[in-house]
Structures are given as C-alpha cells and as structure tokens.
Amino acid sequence: MAQIDRFNYRTASPGTLLVVVGKGFGKEQGEGNIKFADSLGRPRINGKPTSWTDTKIEVPVPNDARTGEVRVYAHDKVSNAQELHVSPEGVLVTWF
C-alpha cells in the first residue's frame, strides 16, 4: 500500500512545490497520480508531479486546490489521506 508520512509544509499556497514523503509510490510515476482537495475537501484535483520516486513526490500545489485531503494513487493502490492546509499566496509553514 502507498503511504504518505508527511509533507514539507503543513500549509502551502497554490504554486508552492510540495514534497510528499512516504513509501510504496513506485519507482516511476507511470499511471500514478496525486490528488488534492476540491472545494468540498475531497481529493479530486489532479496534481502534476515534477519528480516521482518510491519514497518522495515533488508536485506544485494546483491553483484550484483547497484545504483538505491529499492522496497518492499509485499502481492500483491508494494511499492514506493526509490533510494539507491551502492558504492565500505567500503563507508557508514548514513541517520538516
């Protein structure tokens, strides 16, 4: 099972490069995807990863993402959900 352990930020603005750390994502993205919360907090907004490994995904926060669940969909597996707070531009809270 894919598992999200943490993000580099607890709060991020659209366009911020989010680093998702975990395991079981797969060595390559292939058909995998990462989804951010929509206006109802459900993970339905597709991210566009710039880097993908088995333990780390780098992805800019989409412009239409909202506060709520983020999930990784990798090789027929769905990760646990982690909440990301999406804030107005310029507000970042470091997690690491």
N, C-alpha and C. Protein backbone atom coordinates (compact mmCIF):
# COMPACT_ATOMS: atom_id res chain seq x y z
N MET A 1 0.83 -1.19 0.00
CA MET A 1 0.00 0.00 0.00
C MET A 1 0.87 1.24 0.00
N ALA A 2 0.50 2.22 -0.79
CA ALA A 2 1.18 3.51 -0.77
C ALA A 2 0.85 4.21 0.54
N GLN A 3 1.85 4.88 1.11
CA GLN A 3 1.64 5.55 2.40
C GLN A 3 2.29 6.92 2.39
N ILE A 4 1.51 7.96 2.72
CA ILE A 4 2.05 9.30 2.91
C ILE A 4 2.42 9.45 4.37
N ASP A 5 3.68 9.80 4.64
CA ASP A 5 4.12 10.04 6.01
C ASP A 5 4.02 11.51 6.39
N ARG A 6 4.46 12.39 5.47
CA ARG A 6 4.45 13.81 5.79
C ARG A 6 4.68 14.65 4.52
N PHE A 7 4.44 15.94 4.67
CA PHE A 7 4.73 16.93 3.64
C PHE A 7 5.84 17.85 4.15
N ASN A 8 6.49 18.56 3.25
CA ASN A 8 7.49 19.54 3.69
C ASN A 8 6.82 20.79 4.27
N TYR A 9 5.55 21.00 3.96
CA TYR A 9 4.79 22.12 4.52
C TYR A 9 3.46 21.60 5.05
N ARG A 10 3.02 22.17 6.16
CA ARG A 10 1.68 21.85 6.67
C ARG A 10 0.66 22.75 6.01
N THR A 11 1.10 23.96 5.67
CA THR A 11 0.27 24.94 4.98
C THR A 11 1.03 25.39 3.75
N ALA A 12 0.37 25.44 2.60
CA ALA A 12 1.03 25.84 1.37
C ALA A 12 0.07 26.62 0.49
N SER A 13 0.64 27.48 -0.33
CA SER A 13 -0.14 28.27 -1.29
C SER A 13 -0.12 27.60 -2.65
N PRO A 14 -1.10 27.88 -3.50
CA PRO A 14 -1.05 27.37 -4.86
C PRO A 14 0.27 27.76 -5.53
N GLY A 15 0.85 26.81 -6.25
CA GLY A 15 2.13 27.04 -6.92
C GLY A 15 3.34 26.64 -6.10
N THR A 16 3.18 26.46 -4.79
CA THR A 16 4.27 26.04 -3.92
C THR A 16 4.67 24.60 -4.26
N LEU A 17 5.97 24.33 -4.31
CA LEU A 17 6.43 22.96 -4.56
C LEU A 17 6.28 22.15 -3.28
N LEU A 18 5.36 21.22 -3.29
CA LEU A 18 5.11 20.36 -2.14
C LEU A 18 5.92 19.09 -2.29
N VAL A 19 6.62 18.69 -1.22
CA VAL A 19 7.36 17.44 -1.21
C VAL A 19 6.57 16.47 -0.33
N VAL A 20 6.14 15.36 -0.93
CA VAL A 20 5.37 14.34 -0.25
C VAL A 20 6.32 13.19 0.05
N VAL A 21 6.49 12.87 1.32
CA VAL A 21 7.41 11.82 1.76
C VAL A 21 6.60 10.64 2.27
N GLY A 22 6.98 9.44 1.85
CA GLY A 22 6.28 8.25 2.29
C GLY A 22 6.93 7.01 1.72
N LYS A 23 6.12 6.03 1.34
CA LYS A 23 6.66 4.80 0.76
C LYS A 23 5.60 4.13 -0.10
N GLY A 24 6.08 3.26 -1.00
CA GLY A 24 5.18 2.48 -1.82
C GLY A 24 4.58 3.23 -2.99
N PHE A 25 5.20 4.37 -3.40
CA PHE A 25 4.68 5.15 -4.52
C PHE A 25 5.05 4.54 -5.87
N GLY A 26 6.07 3.68 -5.87
CA GLY A 26 6.58 3.11 -7.12
C GLY A 26 7.78 3.91 -7.61
N LYS A 27 8.70 3.22 -8.28
CA LYS A 27 9.94 3.86 -8.72
C LYS A 27 9.71 4.93 -9.78
N GLU A 28 8.65 4.78 -10.57
CA GLU A 28 8.30 5.74 -11.61
C GLU A 28 6.82 6.08 -11.49
N GLN A 29 6.46 7.25 -11.99
CA GLN A 29 5.06 7.66 -11.90
C GLN A 29 4.14 6.76 -12.69
N GLY A 30 4.52 6.39 -13.90
CA GLY A 30 3.65 5.55 -14.72
C GLY A 30 2.24 6.13 -14.77
N GLU A 31 1.26 5.33 -14.37
CA GLU A 31 -0.14 5.78 -14.34
C GLU A 31 -0.50 6.41 -13.00
N GLY A 32 0.48 6.53 -12.11
CA GLY A 32 0.21 7.08 -10.78
C GLY A 32 -0.16 8.55 -10.83
N ASN A 33 -0.80 9.02 -9.77
CA ASN A 33 -1.20 10.41 -9.68
C ASN A 33 -1.30 10.82 -8.22
N ILE A 34 -1.30 12.11 -8.01
CA ILE A 34 -1.53 12.66 -6.68
C ILE A 34 -2.70 13.62 -6.80
N LYS A 35 -3.63 13.54 -5.86
CA LYS A 35 -4.83 14.36 -5.93
C LYS A 35 -4.96 15.22 -4.69
N PHE A 36 -5.36 16.47 -4.94
CA PHE A 36 -5.55 17.47 -3.90
C PHE A 36 -7.04 17.69 -3.69
N ALA A 37 -7.38 18.29 -2.56
CA ALA A 37 -8.78 18.52 -2.21
C ALA A 37 -9.43 19.56 -3.12
N ASP A 38 -10.72 19.32 -3.40
CA ASP A 38 -11.53 20.29 -4.12
C ASP A 38 -12.21 21.21 -3.10
N SER A 39 -13.17 21.99 -3.56
CA SER A 39 -13.85 22.95 -2.67
C SER A 39 -14.65 22.27 -1.56
N LEU A 40 -14.92 20.98 -1.69
CA LEU A 40 -15.62 20.23 -0.64
C LEU A 40 -14.66 19.41 0.23
N GLY A 41 -13.35 19.58 0.00
CA GLY A 41 -12.35 18.88 0.81
C GLY A 41 -12.03 17.48 0.35
N ARG A 42 -12.58 17.07 -0.80
CA ARG A 42 -12.36 15.71 -1.31
C ARG A 42 -11.20 15.70 -2.30
N PRO A 43 -10.37 14.64 -2.30
CA PRO A 43 -9.22 14.59 -3.21
C PRO A 43 -9.61 14.32 -4.66
N ARG A 44 -9.88 15.40 -5.40
CA ARG A 44 -10.31 15.26 -6.79
C ARG A 44 -9.54 16.14 -7.77
N ILE A 45 -8.63 16.97 -7.28
CA ILE A 45 -7.88 17.88 -8.14
C ILE A 45 -6.53 17.23 -8.46
N ASN A 46 -6.29 16.94 -9.73
CA ASN A 46 -5.05 16.29 -10.14
C ASN A 46 -3.84 17.21 -10.00
N GLY A 47 -2.78 16.67 -9.40
CA GLY A 47 -1.51 17.37 -9.35
C GLY A 47 -0.69 16.99 -10.58
N LYS A 48 0.37 17.75 -10.84
CA LYS A 48 1.27 17.48 -11.96
C LYS A 48 2.69 17.34 -11.40
N PRO A 49 3.05 16.13 -10.94
CA PRO A 49 4.36 15.93 -10.31
C PRO A 49 5.53 16.28 -11.24
N THR A 50 6.55 16.87 -10.65
CA THR A 50 7.79 17.17 -11.38
C THR A 50 8.85 16.12 -11.10
N SER A 51 8.66 15.35 -10.02
CA SER A 51 9.59 14.29 -9.65
C SER A 51 8.81 13.21 -8.91
N TRP A 52 9.19 11.93 -9.15
CA TRP A 52 8.45 10.81 -8.53
C TRP A 52 9.43 9.68 -8.26
N THR A 53 9.54 9.26 -7.01
CA THR A 53 10.31 8.07 -6.64
C THR A 53 9.44 7.24 -5.71
N ASP A 54 9.95 6.10 -5.28
CA ASP A 54 9.18 5.22 -4.40
C ASP A 54 8.89 5.86 -3.04
N THR A 55 9.73 6.82 -2.63
CA THR A 55 9.59 7.41 -1.29
C THR A 55 9.34 8.92 -1.28
N LYS A 56 9.34 9.57 -2.47
CA LYS A 56 9.18 11.03 -2.49
C LYS A 56 8.55 11.49 -3.81
N ILE A 57 7.59 12.38 -3.69
CA ILE A 57 6.96 13.01 -4.84
C ILE A 57 7.07 14.52 -4.67
N GLU A 58 7.50 15.21 -5.72
CA GLU A 58 7.53 16.66 -5.71
C GLU A 58 6.47 17.14 -6.69
N VAL A 59 5.59 18.03 -6.21
CA VAL A 59 4.46 18.47 -7.02
C VAL A 59 4.05 19.89 -6.62
N PRO A 60 3.87 20.78 -7.59
CA PRO A 60 3.33 22.10 -7.25
C PRO A 60 1.87 21.97 -6.81
N VAL A 61 1.48 22.74 -5.80
CA VAL A 61 0.09 22.75 -5.36
C VAL A 61 -0.75 23.39 -6.48
N PRO A 62 -1.76 22.68 -6.99
CA PRO A 62 -2.59 23.24 -8.08
C PRO A 62 -3.32 24.52 -7.67
N ASN A 63 -3.56 25.38 -8.64
CA ASN A 63 -4.23 26.66 -8.38
C ASN A 63 -5.62 26.49 -7.78
N ASP A 64 -6.33 25.43 -8.15
CA ASP A 64 -7.69 25.24 -7.66
C ASP A 64 -7.77 24.30 -6.45
N ALA A 65 -6.63 23.92 -5.88
CA ALA A 65 -6.63 23.06 -4.68
C ALA A 65 -7.14 23.85 -3.48
N ARG A 66 -7.79 23.14 -2.58
CA ARG A 66 -8.32 23.74 -1.35
C ARG A 66 -7.85 22.91 -0.16
N THR A 67 -8.08 23.42 1.04
CA THR A 67 -7.72 22.70 2.25
C THR A 67 -8.51 21.39 2.30
N GLY A 68 -7.79 20.30 2.62
CA GLY A 68 -8.44 19.00 2.73
C GLY A 68 -7.47 17.88 2.44
N GLU A 69 -8.00 16.74 2.08
CA GLU A 69 -7.22 15.52 1.89
C GLU A 69 -6.36 15.55 0.63
N VAL A 70 -5.17 14.99 0.78
CA VAL A 70 -4.29 14.70 -0.36
C VAL A 70 -4.06 13.19 -0.34
N ARG A 71 -4.14 12.57 -1.50
CA ARG A 71 -3.90 11.13 -1.61
C ARG A 71 -3.03 10.84 -2.84
N VAL A 72 -2.26 9.76 -2.74
CA VAL A 72 -1.47 9.28 -3.86
C VAL A 72 -2.15 8.03 -4.41
N TYR A 73 -2.30 8.00 -5.73
CA TYR A 73 -2.86 6.85 -6.43
C TYR A 73 -1.72 6.25 -7.25
N ALA A 74 -1.22 5.09 -6.82
CA ALA A 74 -0.02 4.53 -7.44
C ALA A 74 -0.19 3.04 -7.70
N HIS A 75 -0.13 2.67 -8.99
CA HIS A 75 -0.10 1.26 -9.37
C HIS A 75 -1.21 0.45 -8.70
N ASP A 76 -2.44 0.90 -8.88
CA ASP A 76 -3.64 0.25 -8.33
C ASP A 76 -3.70 0.27 -6.81
N LYS A 77 -2.97 1.19 -6.19
CA LYS A 77 -3.02 1.34 -4.74
C LYS A 77 -3.40 2.77 -4.42
N VAL A 78 -4.13 2.95 -3.34
CA VAL A 78 -4.50 4.29 -2.88
C VAL A 78 -3.87 4.50 -1.51
N SER A 79 -3.21 5.62 -1.33
CA SER A 79 -2.54 5.90 -0.05
C SER A 79 -3.55 6.31 1.01
N ASN A 80 -3.05 6.41 2.21
CA ASN A 80 -3.79 7.05 3.29
C ASN A 80 -3.95 8.53 2.93
N ALA A 81 -4.86 9.19 3.58
CA ALA A 81 -5.07 10.63 3.36
C ALA A 81 -4.26 11.42 4.38
N GLN A 82 -3.69 12.53 3.92
CA GLN A 82 -3.05 13.50 4.80
C GLN A 82 -3.67 14.85 4.49
N GLU A 83 -3.93 15.63 5.52
CA GLU A 83 -4.54 16.93 5.29
C GLU A 83 -3.48 17.98 5.01
N LEU A 84 -3.76 18.79 3.98
CA LEU A 84 -2.93 19.93 3.65
C LEU A 84 -3.80 21.17 3.74
N HIS A 85 -3.29 22.18 4.44
CA HIS A 85 -3.99 23.46 4.51
C HIS A 85 -3.49 24.32 3.35
N VAL A 86 -4.40 24.73 2.49
CA VAL A 86 -4.06 25.58 1.35
C VAL A 86 -4.46 26.99 1.73
N SER A 87 -3.48 27.90 1.67
CA SER A 87 -3.70 29.27 2.13
C SER A 87 -3.46 30.27 1.01
N PRO A 88 -3.81 31.52 1.27
CA PRO A 88 -3.51 32.55 0.29
C PRO A 88 -2.00 32.59 -0.01
N GLU A 89 -1.68 33.12 -1.16
CA GLU A 89 -0.29 33.18 -1.60
C GLU A 89 0.63 33.81 -0.55
N GLY A 90 1.80 33.21 -0.38
CA GLY A 90 2.82 33.78 0.49
C GLY A 90 2.85 33.27 1.91
N VAL A 91 1.96 32.38 2.30
CA VAL A 91 1.95 31.85 3.67
C VAL A 91 2.41 30.39 3.64
N LEU A 92 3.55 30.10 4.29
CA LEU A 92 4.08 28.75 4.33
C LEU A 92 4.44 28.38 5.76
N VAL A 93 4.14 27.16 6.16
CA VAL A 93 4.52 26.66 7.48
C VAL A 93 5.31 25.38 7.24
N THR A 94 6.58 25.38 7.63
CA THR A 94 7.45 24.24 7.39
C THR A 94 7.12 23.09 8.32
N TRP A 95 7.13 21.87 7.77
CA TRP A 95 6.85 20.65 8.54
C TRP A 95 8.14 19.96 8.95
N PHE A 96 9.11 19.84 8.03
CA PHE A 96 10.35 19.09 8.32
C PHE A 96 11.04 19.65 9.53
